[in-house]
């Protein structure tokens, strides 16, 4: 980690309003790669130290993420504010309406700006809420199983921001297609040309405007990450149709990797069986309570809402449905 005094000197780049994160990124990007990593680890350690039940209670936030972002605001406020809150958790209440989530991506943005490579560093300090296991009285995680299968070279992260319902069969088949590609020797040989051992695919289906449609590819020393945002379109009503859709989406992501990384022609996609699986793949999803669409749009836009106002929206929506 970088020296704590040096860390706080860098944080001063945020300015009097404590929100000029671009300036902090620019200043950090001029430093060495070791300093950028050291900044991340120092930040993670400071956030980790504030991850206690007493600080969480003082924050008054209803979510784990909210508590993390309030802790970020304390760090962004500078050394004096941080030391005061660390010693007296009740003082964190002063920051309950502040958030500085952007602090979490400063080192990543600075590293990628400096090197052009994907940020791959994992800090030894878990700053997520509950990561300070000793403070929360939680048991430490068990050591990894030495006999466990090694991680796959290919993974997929999926997200959606949709007004309509996402077929569960599509998600099932999406996972199976990725597993089949990962196990196919022809695809493993194809990916060897990328020069990095791991490929992370990321797909966001979005018809609510939370992200601009498009594709990005970032390559590091260990992995390449391919992200695509697109509109969901219409899902076919048959198992075979859902398989075609899932296969096509995965192939499109790999096609982006091929184009951006200069890889060879895509091998044939492996066949995933769907015959006789209609009951499994076409079963309607279990109904779950959903938020009113207008409320979802306000939350996605970043609008801050009082918890009591959110509850009132949900109660009104439930009464209207009855």
Protein backbone atom coordinates (compact mmCIF):
# COMPACT_ATOMS: atom_id res chain seq x y z
CA UNK A 1 0.00 0.00 0.00
CA UNK A 2 1.10 3.56 -0.51
CA UNK A 3 1.88 5.62 2.56
CA UNK A 4 -1.29 6.84 4.27
CA UNK A 5 -0.11 10.44 4.18
CA UNK A 6 0.47 10.19 0.43
CA UNK A 7 -3.00 8.70 -0.01
CA UNK A 8 -4.65 11.63 1.75
CA UNK A 9 -2.61 14.13 -0.27
CA UNK A 10 -3.95 12.53 -3.45
CA UNK A 11 -7.52 12.59 -2.12
CA UNK A 12 -7.26 16.38 -1.79
CA UNK A 13 -7.45 16.47 -5.60
CA UNK A 14 -11.21 15.94 -5.19
CA UNK A 15 -11.44 19.65 -4.35
CA UNK A 16 -13.58 21.52 -1.83
CA UNK A 17 -16.79 19.86 -3.03
CA UNK A 18 -15.15 16.42 -2.77
CA UNK A 19 -16.53 15.36 -6.14
CA UNK A 20 -13.84 16.03 -8.78
CA UNK A 21 -13.10 12.36 -9.38
CA UNK A 22 -11.85 12.97 -12.93
CA UNK A 23 -9.13 15.20 -11.52
CA UNK A 24 -8.14 12.52 -9.02
CA UNK A 25 -8.02 9.90 -11.77
CA UNK A 26 -5.87 12.17 -13.92
CA UNK A 27 -3.44 12.84 -11.08
CA UNK A 28 -3.21 9.16 -10.09
CA UNK A 29 -2.69 8.09 -13.73
CA UNK A 30 0.57 10.08 -13.74
CA UNK A 31 1.94 7.85 -10.98
CA UNK A 32 3.54 4.41 -11.35
CA UNK A 33 1.46 1.25 -11.70
CA UNK A 34 2.63 0.24 -8.22
CA UNK A 35 1.30 3.52 -6.79
CA UNK A 36 -2.06 3.02 -8.48
CA UNK A 37 -2.37 -0.46 -6.99
CA UNK A 38 -1.15 0.91 -3.66
CA UNK A 39 -3.85 3.61 -3.76
CA UNK A 40 -6.52 0.94 -4.28
CA UNK A 41 -5.26 -1.17 -1.39
CA UNK A 42 -5.02 1.81 0.96
CA UNK A 43 -8.54 2.89 0.03
CA UNK A 44 -9.83 -0.65 0.54
CA UNK A 45 -8.19 -0.86 3.96
CA UNK A 46 -9.69 2.46 5.07
CA UNK A 47 -13.16 1.40 3.92
CA UNK A 48 -12.71 -1.99 5.58
CA UNK A 49 -11.91 -0.34 8.91
CA UNK A 50 -15.24 1.54 8.79
CA UNK A 51 -17.16 -1.66 8.07
CA UNK A 52 -18.52 -2.28 11.58
CA UNK A 53 -22.05 -2.71 12.98
CA UNK A 54 -21.74 0.56 14.92
CA UNK A 55 -20.84 2.53 11.80
CA UNK A 56 -23.57 0.80 9.82
CA UNK A 57 -26.20 1.73 12.42
CA UNK A 58 -25.04 5.35 12.37
CA UNK A 59 -25.25 5.46 8.57
CA UNK A 60 -28.97 4.72 8.65
CA UNK A 61 -28.89 3.26 5.14
CA UNK A 62 -31.30 0.48 4.12
CA UNK A 63 -28.85 -1.44 1.93
CA UNK A 64 -25.36 -2.90 1.95
CA UNK A 65 -24.41 -0.82 -1.08
CA UNK A 66 -25.74 2.33 0.55
CA UNK A 67 -23.53 1.77 3.59
CA UNK A 68 -20.50 1.25 1.35
CA UNK A 69 -21.16 4.46 -0.59
CA UNK A 70 -21.54 6.45 2.64
CA UNK A 71 -18.18 5.06 3.81
CA UNK A 72 -16.74 6.23 0.49
CA UNK A 73 -18.06 9.72 1.26
CA UNK A 74 -16.21 9.68 4.57
CA UNK A 75 -12.94 8.79 2.84
CA UNK A 76 -13.55 11.45 0.18
CA UNK A 77 -14.03 14.02 2.96
CA UNK A 78 -10.36 13.71 3.91
CA UNK A 79 -8.15 12.59 6.75
CA UNK A 80 -9.58 14.66 9.60
CA UNK A 81 -13.15 13.60 8.87
CA UNK A 82 -12.10 9.97 8.46
CA UNK A 83 -10.14 9.83 11.73
CA UNK A 84 -13.06 11.40 13.59
CA UNK A 85 -15.58 8.90 12.20
CA UNK A 86 -13.24 5.97 12.81
CA UNK A 87 -12.92 6.91 16.48
CA UNK A 88 -16.59 7.83 16.96
CA UNK A 89 -18.95 5.79 14.74
CA UNK A 90 -21.92 8.02 15.59
CA UNK A 91 -20.20 10.82 13.66
CA UNK A 92 -20.85 8.90 10.44
CA UNK A 93 -24.48 10.10 10.68
CA UNK A 94 -23.25 13.43 9.28
CA UNK A 95 -22.64 11.65 5.97
CA UNK A 96 -25.88 9.64 5.73
CA UNK A 97 -27.11 11.78 2.82
CA UNK A 98 -23.74 11.71 1.02
CA UNK A 99 -22.40 9.12 -1.38
CA UNK A 100 -19.10 8.88 -3.23
CA UNK A 101 -19.45 5.62 -5.16
CA UNK A 102 -17.13 6.96 -7.87
CA UNK A 103 -14.21 6.62 -5.47
CA UNK A 104 -14.36 2.85 -5.97
CA UNK A 105 -13.38 3.09 -9.65
CA UNK A 106 -10.64 5.73 -9.36
CA UNK A 107 -7.72 3.27 -9.34
CA UNK A 108 -9.27 1.16 -12.10
CA UNK A 109 -9.83 4.19 -14.34
CA UNK A 110 -6.35 5.55 -13.63
CA UNK A 111 -4.70 2.19 -14.39
CA UNK A 112 -6.58 1.70 -17.65
CA UNK A 113 -5.86 5.29 -18.69
CA UNK A 114 -2.16 4.82 -17.99
CA UNK A 115 -1.63 1.33 -19.41
CA UNK A 116 -4.51 0.68 -21.79
CA UNK A 117 -4.89 -2.68 -20.05
CA UNK A 118 -7.82 -4.20 -18.16
CA UNK A 119 -7.70 -3.63 -14.40
CA UNK A 120 -7.29 -7.04 -12.76
CA UNK A 121 -6.12 -6.28 -9.23
CA UNK A 122 -8.03 -7.76 -6.29
CA UNK A 123 -7.27 -5.99 -3.03
CA UNK A 124 -6.53 -8.17 0.01
CA UNK A 125 -9.08 -6.08 1.96
CA UNK A 126 -12.76 -6.80 1.32
CA UNK A 127 -14.50 -3.45 1.65
CA UNK A 128 -17.97 -4.78 0.82
CA UNK A 129 -20.43 -4.55 3.70
CA UNK A 130 -19.74 -7.47 6.03
CA UNK A 131 -16.25 -7.98 4.62
CA UNK A 132 -14.69 -7.09 7.97
CA UNK A 133 -15.64 -10.48 9.39
CA UNK A 134 -14.02 -9.90 12.79
CA UNK A 135 -15.98 -6.69 13.35
CA UNK A 136 -19.26 -8.35 12.42
CA UNK A 137 -18.57 -11.48 14.45
CA UNK A 138 -18.76 -13.67 11.37
CA UNK A 139 -16.70 -16.79 10.79
CA UNK A 140 -13.84 -16.57 8.35
CA UNK A 141 -14.44 -18.33 5.05
CA UNK A 142 -13.07 -21.82 4.69
CA UNK A 143 -9.93 -22.39 2.66
CA UNK A 144 -10.62 -23.23 -1.00
CA UNK A 145 -11.02 -26.93 -1.77
CA UNK A 146 -7.73 -28.09 -3.27
CA UNK A 147 -9.57 -30.88 -5.13
CA UNK A 148 -12.11 -28.55 -6.72
CA UNK A 149 -12.17 -28.28 -10.50
CA UNK A 150 -10.14 -25.36 -11.88
CA UNK A 151 -12.18 -22.36 -13.03
CA UNK A 152 -13.32 -22.31 -16.64
CA UNK A 153 -11.53 -20.19 -19.23
CA UNK A 154 -14.94 -18.82 -20.27
CA UNK A 155 -17.51 -17.13 -18.04
CA UNK A 156 -20.63 -15.07 -18.67
CA UNK A 157 -22.18 -12.37 -16.53
CA UNK A 158 -25.74 -11.48 -17.49
CA UNK A 159 -27.94 -8.58 -16.50
CA UNK A 160 -31.24 -7.13 -17.63
CA UNK A 161 -33.17 -3.89 -17.32
CA UNK A 162 -36.41 -4.86 -19.00
CA UNK A 163 -40.03 -3.89 -18.86
CA UNK A 164 -41.12 -7.34 -19.99
CA UNK A 165 -40.56 -10.75 -18.44
CA UNK A 166 -37.33 -12.61 -19.12
CA UNK A 167 -37.93 -16.30 -19.96
CA UNK A 168 -36.27 -18.57 -17.43
CA UNK A 169 -35.59 -21.10 -20.16
CA UNK A 170 -33.40 -18.56 -21.93
CA UNK A 171 -31.25 -18.15 -18.82
CA UNK A 172 -30.95 -21.92 -18.37
CA UNK A 173 -29.90 -22.42 -21.99
CA UNK A 174 -27.54 -19.46 -21.90
CA UNK A 175 -25.59 -21.12 -19.07
CA UNK A 176 -25.58 -24.46 -20.88
CA UNK A 177 -24.32 -22.92 -24.12
CA UNK A 178 -21.45 -21.23 -22.29
CA UNK A 179 -20.54 -24.48 -20.51
CA UNK A 180 -20.62 -26.38 -23.83
CA UNK A 181 -18.38 -23.82 -25.55
CA UNK A 182 -15.95 -23.85 -22.62
CA UNK A 183 -15.67 -27.65 -22.81
CA UNK A 184 -15.19 -27.76 -26.60
CA UNK A 185 -11.50 -28.33 -27.59
CA UNK A 186 -11.99 -26.37 -30.81
CA UNK A 187 -13.09 -23.31 -28.89
CA UNK A 188 -10.27 -23.65 -26.36
CA UNK A 189 -7.78 -23.77 -29.25
CA UNK A 190 -9.46 -20.71 -30.82
CA UNK A 191 -9.15 -18.72 -27.59
CA UNK A 192 -5.46 -19.62 -27.22
CA UNK A 193 -4.81 -17.02 -29.93
CA UNK A 194 -5.94 -14.25 -27.55
CA UNK A 195 -2.74 -14.56 -25.51
CA UNK A 196 -4.55 -14.48 -22.16
CA UNK A 197 -6.01 -17.50 -20.36
CA UNK A 198 -9.46 -16.17 -19.45
CA UNK A 199 -12.41 -14.69 -21.31
CA UNK A 200 -15.14 -12.84 -19.41
CA UNK A 201 -18.33 -12.24 -21.36
CA UNK A 202 -20.87 -9.69 -20.13
CA UNK A 203 -24.31 -9.13 -21.64
CA UNK A 204 -26.88 -6.51 -20.64
CA UNK A 205 -30.35 -6.61 -22.20
CA UNK A 206 -31.75 -3.13 -21.72
CA UNK A 207 -34.91 -1.46 -22.97
CA UNK A 208 -35.06 1.12 -20.14
CA UNK A 209 -32.15 3.29 -21.22
CA UNK A 210 -29.84 2.48 -18.30
CA UNK A 211 -26.89 2.01 -20.66
CA UNK A 212 -26.07 2.98 -24.24
CA UNK A 213 -26.19 0.10 -26.75
CA UNK A 214 -22.74 -0.96 -27.90
CA UNK A 215 -19.76 -3.19 -27.28
CA UNK A 216 -16.45 -2.82 -25.47
CA UNK A 217 -13.45 -5.11 -25.13
CA UNK A 218 -10.72 -4.63 -22.53
CA UNK A 219 -7.68 -6.87 -22.35
CA UNK A 220 -5.38 -7.37 -19.38
CA UNK A 221 -2.52 -9.69 -18.61
CA UNK A 222 -4.74 -12.51 -17.37
CA UNK A 223 -8.12 -12.01 -19.00
CA UNK A 224 -10.08 -10.17 -21.64
CA UNK A 225 -13.52 -8.75 -20.86
CA UNK A 226 -16.17 -8.43 -23.55
CA UNK A 227 -19.26 -6.37 -22.73
CA UNK A 228 -22.31 -5.87 -24.95
CA UNK A 229 -25.44 -3.84 -24.24
CA UNK A 230 -28.41 -4.34 -26.54
CA UNK A 231 -32.19 -4.20 -26.55
CA UNK A 232 -33.84 -7.50 -25.59
CA UNK A 233 -36.21 -7.74 -28.53
CA UNK A 234 -38.85 -10.47 -28.60
CA UNK A 235 -38.14 -13.90 -27.15
CA UNK A 236 -39.44 -16.90 -29.13
CA UNK A 237 -42.16 -19.01 -27.46
CA UNK A 238 -40.54 -22.41 -28.09
CA UNK A 239 -37.67 -24.30 -26.49
CA UNK A 240 -35.88 -24.56 -29.85
CA UNK A 241 -36.36 -20.84 -30.39
CA UNK A 242 -34.96 -19.99 -26.96
CA UNK A 243 -31.93 -22.18 -27.70
CA UNK A 244 -31.35 -20.35 -30.99
CA UNK A 245 -31.59 -17.03 -29.16
CA UNK A 246 -29.22 -18.06 -26.33
CA UNK A 247 -26.74 -19.58 -28.79
CA UNK A 248 -26.86 -16.51 -31.01
CA UNK A 249 -26.28 -14.12 -28.11
CA UNK A 250 -23.24 -16.05 -26.86
CA UNK A 251 -21.86 -16.34 -30.39
CA UNK A 252 -22.31 -12.60 -30.93
CA UNK A 253 -20.26 -11.86 -27.80
CA UNK A 254 -17.50 -14.18 -28.96
CA UNK A 255 -17.71 -12.55 -32.38
CA UNK A 256 -16.98 -9.17 -30.80
CA UNK A 257 -13.93 -10.73 -29.12
CA UNK A 258 -12.80 -12.12 -32.47
CA UNK A 259 -13.14 -8.74 -34.20
CA UNK A 260 -11.48 -6.63 -31.50
CA UNK A 261 -8.68 -9.08 -30.61
CA UNK A 262 -7.86 -10.24 -34.12
CA UNK A 263 -8.72 -13.90 -33.57
CA UNK A 264 -9.45 -16.56 -36.17
CA UNK A 265 -12.79 -17.65 -37.55
CA UNK A 266 -15.29 -18.81 -34.95
CA UNK A 267 -15.61 -22.59 -34.63
CA UNK A 268 -19.08 -24.14 -34.95
CA UNK A 269 -21.26 -23.69 -31.91
CA UNK A 270 -21.78 -26.89 -29.90
CA UNK A 271 -25.24 -28.44 -29.84
CA UNK A 272 -27.23 -28.23 -26.61
CA UNK A 273 -30.15 -30.72 -26.46
CA UNK A 274 -33.66 -29.35 -25.85
CA UNK A 275 -35.85 -32.22 -27.06
CA UNK A 276 -38.30 -33.30 -24.37
CA UNK A 277 -37.42 -30.35 -22.12
CA UNK A 278 -40.39 -28.11 -22.91
CA UNK A 279 -41.85 -28.39 -19.40
CA UNK A 280 -38.53 -27.32 -17.88
CA UNK A 281 -37.68 -24.57 -20.34
CA UNK A 282 -41.12 -23.06 -20.92
CA UNK A 283 -42.31 -23.12 -17.32
CA UNK A 284 -43.45 -19.62 -16.31
CA UNK A 285 -41.29 -17.95 -13.73
CA UNK A 286 -42.68 -17.89 -10.23
CA UNK A 287 -44.38 -14.60 -9.64
CA UNK A 288 -42.40 -12.27 -7.43
CA UNK A 289 -43.30 -8.89 -6.00
CA UNK A 290 -42.23 -6.18 -8.44
CA UNK A 291 -41.74 -2.46 -8.07
CA UNK A 292 -44.02 -0.03 -9.92
CA UNK A 293 -42.41 0.87 -13.29
CA UNK A 294 -42.48 4.61 -12.53
CA UNK A 295 -40.63 3.96 -9.27
CA UNK A 296 -38.05 1.79 -11.04
CA UNK A 297 -37.36 4.54 -13.58
CA UNK A 298 -36.92 7.15 -10.84
CA UNK A 299 -34.48 4.90 -8.97
CA UNK A 300 -32.53 4.03 -12.12
CA UNK A 301 -32.20 7.73 -12.95
CA UNK A 302 -30.27 8.14 -9.71
CA UNK A 303 -32.95 10.19 -7.99
CA UNK A 304 -32.61 10.05 -4.22
CA UNK A 305 -35.86 9.05 -2.54
CA UNK A 306 -36.77 8.84 1.11
CA UNK A 307 -37.40 5.22 2.20
CA UNK A 308 -40.88 6.18 3.44
CA UNK A 309 -41.71 7.59 -0.01
CA UNK A 310 -40.61 4.32 -1.64
CA UNK A 311 -42.82 2.31 0.73
CA UNK A 312 -45.75 4.61 -0.03
CA UNK A 313 -45.30 3.97 -3.77
CA UNK A 314 -45.33 0.21 -3.25
CA UNK A 315 -48.40 0.33 -1.00
CA UNK A 316 -50.31 2.47 -3.49
CA UNK A 317 -49.36 0.16 -6.36
CA UNK A 318 -50.46 -2.93 -4.42
CA UNK A 319 -53.79 -1.31 -3.54
CA UNK A 320 -54.37 -0.39 -7.20
CA UNK A 321 -53.76 -3.98 -8.32
CA UNK A 322 -56.32 -5.27 -5.83
